[in-house]
Amino acid sequence: MTTDLKRFTTEELSNETLDELISMNDSFQVVAVYDQGSVIEKIEGRIERTGKKCRVFTEYRSATMAGAFLSPTFLLGAGAAVGIAAHNLATFNPDYEIGKNKLAGTVTVKYVK
């Protein structure tokens, strides 16, 4: 992640601010997030309103998958990997990627086109 990423709290992230960020194809991060579901829903809705596509994912899931394949829960890890692959195909070629990180309490929104 770059250090020049714009950061906002949930209180600072109004619909107007979101619309401006999206219209300029900016990447940004929301910090100190307590309710990731509602924050992601708000961001996703504003992005899709402009006709752009987005993909929501859990940050660091690759490391989690690697650990799952090395553990006795291999079949669960394999099933999760298949689910992730299907999700990636369903959200092919997004304009934005929305990464949620529950441990850090952040939502990172990256313009990827």
C-alpha atoms as a PDB file:
ATOM      1  CA  MET A   1       0.000   0.000   0.000  1.00  0.00           C
ATOM      2  CA  THR A   2       1.299   3.445  -0.814  1.00  0.00           C
ATOM      3  CA  THR A   3       1.820   6.014   1.896  1.00  0.00           C
ATOM      4  CA  ASP A   4       0.112   8.766  -0.130  1.00  0.00           C
ATOM      5  CA  LEU A   5      -3.269   7.018  -0.014  1.00  0.00           C
ATOM      6  CA  LYS A   6      -6.013   9.428   1.084  1.00  0.00           C
ATOM      7  CA  ARG A   7      -7.473   8.405   4.460  1.00  0.00           C
ATOM      8  CA  PHE A   8     -10.913   9.151   5.860  1.00  0.00           C
ATOM      9  CA  THR A   9     -12.922   8.177   8.913  1.00  0.00           C
ATOM     10  CA  THR A  10     -16.469   6.959   8.387  1.00  0.00           C
ATOM     11  CA  GLU A  11     -17.753  10.331   9.605  1.00  0.00           C
ATOM     12  CA  GLU A  12     -15.675  12.202   6.997  1.00  0.00           C
ATOM     13  CA  LEU A  13     -16.843  10.008   4.127  1.00  0.00           C
ATOM     14  CA  SER A  14     -20.016  11.734   2.954  1.00  0.00           C
ATOM     15  CA  ASN A  15     -21.813  10.827  -0.259  1.00  0.00           C
ATOM     16  CA  GLU A  16     -20.455  14.021  -1.824  1.00  0.00           C
ATOM     17  CA  THR A  17     -16.874  13.107  -0.892  1.00  0.00           C
ATOM     18  CA  LEU A  18     -17.346   9.588  -2.232  1.00  0.00           C
ATOM     19  CA  ASP A  19     -18.817  10.873  -5.486  1.00  0.00           C
ATOM     20  CA  GLU A  20     -15.859  13.221  -5.944  1.00  0.00           C
ATOM     21  CA  LEU A  21     -13.297  10.483  -5.238  1.00  0.00           C
ATOM     22  CA  ILE A  22     -15.015   8.080  -7.634  1.00  0.00           C
ATOM     23  CA  SER A  23     -15.396  10.651 -10.412  1.00  0.00           C
ATOM     24  CA  MET A  24     -11.639  11.326 -10.196  1.00  0.00           C
ATOM     25  CA  ASN A  25     -10.831   7.574 -10.096  1.00  0.00           C
ATOM     26  CA  ASP A  26      -9.033   8.071  -6.778  1.00  0.00           C
ATOM     27  CA  SER A  27      -7.926   5.320  -4.426  1.00  0.00           C
ATOM     28  CA  PHE A  28      -8.497   5.848  -0.708  1.00  0.00           C
ATOM     29  CA  GLN A  29      -8.782   4.168   2.667  1.00  0.00           C
ATOM     30  CA  VAL A  30     -11.407   4.351   5.393  1.00  0.00           C
ATOM     31  CA  VAL A  31      -9.896   3.953   8.865  1.00  0.00           C
ATOM     32  CA  ALA A  32     -11.303   3.143  12.301  1.00  0.00           C
ATOM     33  CA  VAL A  33     -14.181   1.195  10.743  1.00  0.00           C
ATOM     34  CA  TYR A  34     -16.436  -0.567  13.233  1.00  0.00           C
ATOM     35  CA  ASP A  35     -19.237  -1.664  10.892  1.00  0.00           C
ATOM     36  CA  GLN A  36     -17.500  -2.815   7.722  1.00  0.00           C
ATOM     37  CA  GLY A  37     -20.698  -4.116   6.169  1.00  0.00           C
ATOM     38  CA  SER A  38     -22.443  -0.748   6.100  1.00  0.00           C
ATOM     39  CA  VAL A  39     -19.304   1.130   4.983  1.00  0.00           C
ATOM     40  CA  ILE A  40     -18.685  -1.320   2.139  1.00  0.00           C
ATOM     41  CA  GLU A  41     -22.341  -1.246   1.124  1.00  0.00           C
ATOM     42  CA  LYS A  42     -22.243   2.558   0.962  1.00  0.00           C
ATOM     43  CA  ILE A  43     -19.030   2.640  -1.099  1.00  0.00           C
ATOM     44  CA  GLU A  44     -20.144  -0.177  -3.393  1.00  0.00           C
ATOM     45  CA  GLY A  45     -23.470   1.563  -4.019  1.00  0.00           C
ATOM     46  CA  ARG A  46     -21.817   4.875  -4.898  1.00  0.00           C
ATOM     47  CA  ILE A  47     -19.383   3.152  -7.288  1.00  0.00           C
ATOM     48  CA  GLU A  48     -22.097   1.146  -9.047  1.00  0.00           C
ATOM     49  CA  ARG A  49     -24.254   4.263  -9.350  1.00  0.00           C
ATOM     50  CA  THR A  50     -21.676   5.649 -11.775  1.00  0.00           C
ATOM     51  CA  GLY A  51     -21.811   2.523 -13.947  1.00  0.00           C
ATOM     52  CA  LYS A  52     -18.463   1.243 -12.672  1.00  0.00           C
ATOM     53  CA  LYS A  53     -17.888  -2.256 -11.314  1.00  0.00           C
ATOM     54  CA  CYS A  54     -16.209  -3.283  -8.080  1.00  0.00           C
ATOM     55  CA  ARG A  55     -14.951  -6.401  -6.341  1.00  0.00           C
ATOM     56  CA  VAL A  56     -15.040  -6.782  -2.562  1.00  0.00           C
ATOM     57  CA  PHE A  57     -12.449  -9.059  -0.989  1.00  0.00           C
ATOM     58  CA  THR A  58     -10.777  -9.788   2.319  1.00  0.00           C
ATOM     59  CA  GLU A  59      -7.216  -8.511   2.454  1.00  0.00           C
ATOM     60  CA  TYR A  60      -4.543 -11.119   3.193  1.00  0.00           C
ATOM     61  CA  ARG A  61      -6.823 -14.000   2.251  1.00  0.00           C
ATOM     62  CA  SER A  62      -3.996 -15.565   0.221  1.00  0.00           C
ATOM     63  CA  ALA A  63      -1.997 -16.104   3.384  1.00  0.00           C
ATOM     64  CA  THR A  64      -5.055 -17.550   5.070  1.00  0.00           C
ATOM     65  CA  MET A  65      -5.600 -19.946   2.177  1.00  0.00           C
ATOM     66  CA  ALA A  66      -1.982 -21.105   2.289  1.00  0.00           C
ATOM     67  CA  GLY A  67      -2.334 -21.871   5.982  1.00  0.00           C
ATOM     68  CA  ALA A  68      -5.563 -23.761   5.366  1.00  0.00           C
ATOM     69  CA  PHE A  69      -3.922 -26.005   2.785  1.00  0.00           C
ATOM     70  CA  LEU A  70      -1.185 -26.905   5.263  1.00  0.00           C
ATOM     71  CA  SER A  71      -3.561 -27.796   8.064  1.00  0.00           C
ATOM     72  CA  PRO A  72      -5.866 -30.740   8.776  1.00  0.00           C
ATOM     73  CA  THR A  73      -8.744 -28.597   7.468  1.00  0.00           C
ATOM     74  CA  PHE A  74      -7.433 -28.979   3.918  1.00  0.00           C
ATOM     75  CA  LEU A  75     -10.839 -29.744   2.430  1.00  0.00           C
ATOM     76  CA  LEU A  76     -12.326 -26.590   3.930  1.00  0.00           C
ATOM     77  CA  GLY A  77      -9.429 -24.571   2.527  1.00  0.00           C
ATOM     78  CA  ALA A  78      -9.896 -26.151  -0.897  1.00  0.00           C
ATOM     79  CA  GLY A  79     -13.609 -25.345  -0.810  1.00  0.00           C
ATOM     80  CA  ALA A  80     -12.895 -21.746   0.134  1.00  0.00           C
ATOM     81  CA  ALA A  81     -10.363 -21.427  -2.695  1.00  0.00           C
ATOM     82  CA  VAL A  82     -12.987 -22.628  -5.194  1.00  0.00           C
ATOM     83  CA  GLY A  83     -15.434 -20.065  -3.808  1.00  0.00           C
ATOM     84  CA  ILE A  84     -12.872 -17.273  -4.141  1.00  0.00           C
ATOM     85  CA  ALA A  85     -12.128 -18.263  -7.741  1.00  0.00           C
ATOM     86  CA  ALA A  86     -15.848 -18.242  -8.594  1.00  0.00           C
ATOM     87  CA  HIS A  87     -16.238 -14.804  -6.987  1.00  0.00           C
ATOM     88  CA  ASN A  88     -13.290 -13.443  -8.978  1.00  0.00           C
ATOM     89  CA  LEU A  89     -14.845 -14.683 -12.221  1.00  0.00           C
ATOM     90  CA  ALA A  90     -18.216 -13.174 -11.323  1.00  0.00           C
ATOM     91  CA  THR A  91     -16.578  -9.784 -10.708  1.00  0.00           C
ATOM     92  CA  PHE A  92     -14.181  -9.956 -13.667  1.00  0.00           C
ATOM     93  CA  ASN A  93     -12.407  -6.760 -14.717  1.00  0.00           C
ATOM     94  CA  PRO A  94     -13.609  -4.400 -11.964  1.00  0.00           C
ATOM     95  CA  ASP A  95     -12.917  -0.676 -11.941  1.00  0.00           C
ATOM     96  CA  TYR A  96     -12.413  -0.726  -8.173  1.00  0.00           C
ATOM     97  CA  GLU A  97     -11.270  -3.306  -5.652  1.00  0.00           C
ATOM     98  CA  ILE A  98     -12.557  -2.897  -2.095  1.00  0.00           C
ATOM     99  CA  GLY A  99     -10.354  -4.648   0.446  1.00  0.00           C
ATOM    100  CA  LYS A 100     -11.698  -5.191   3.935  1.00  0.00           C
ATOM    101  CA  ASN A 101      -9.360  -5.769   6.844  1.00  0.00           C
ATOM    102  CA  LYS A 102     -11.238  -6.571  10.036  1.00  0.00           C
ATOM    103  CA  LEU A 103      -8.126  -6.795  12.206  1.00  0.00           C
ATOM    104  CA  ALA A 104      -6.869  -3.361  11.195  1.00  0.00           C
ATOM    105  CA  GLY A 105     -10.376  -1.873  11.037  1.00  0.00           C
ATOM    106  CA  THR A 106      -9.841  -0.531   7.509  1.00  0.00           C
ATOM    107  CA  VAL A 107     -11.515  -0.593   4.133  1.00  0.00           C
ATOM    108  CA  THR A 108      -9.135   0.110   1.251  1.00  0.00           C
ATOM    109  CA  VAL A 109     -10.628   1.206  -2.069  1.00  0.00           C
ATOM    110  CA  LYS A 110      -8.267   0.983  -5.057  1.00  0.00           C
ATOM    111  CA  TYR A 111      -8.916   2.117  -8.599  1.00  0.00           C
ATOM    112  CA  VAL A 112      -7.432  -0.654 -10.742  1.00  0.00           C
ATOM    113  CA  LYS A 113      -8.111   0.265 -14.370  1.00  0.00           C
END
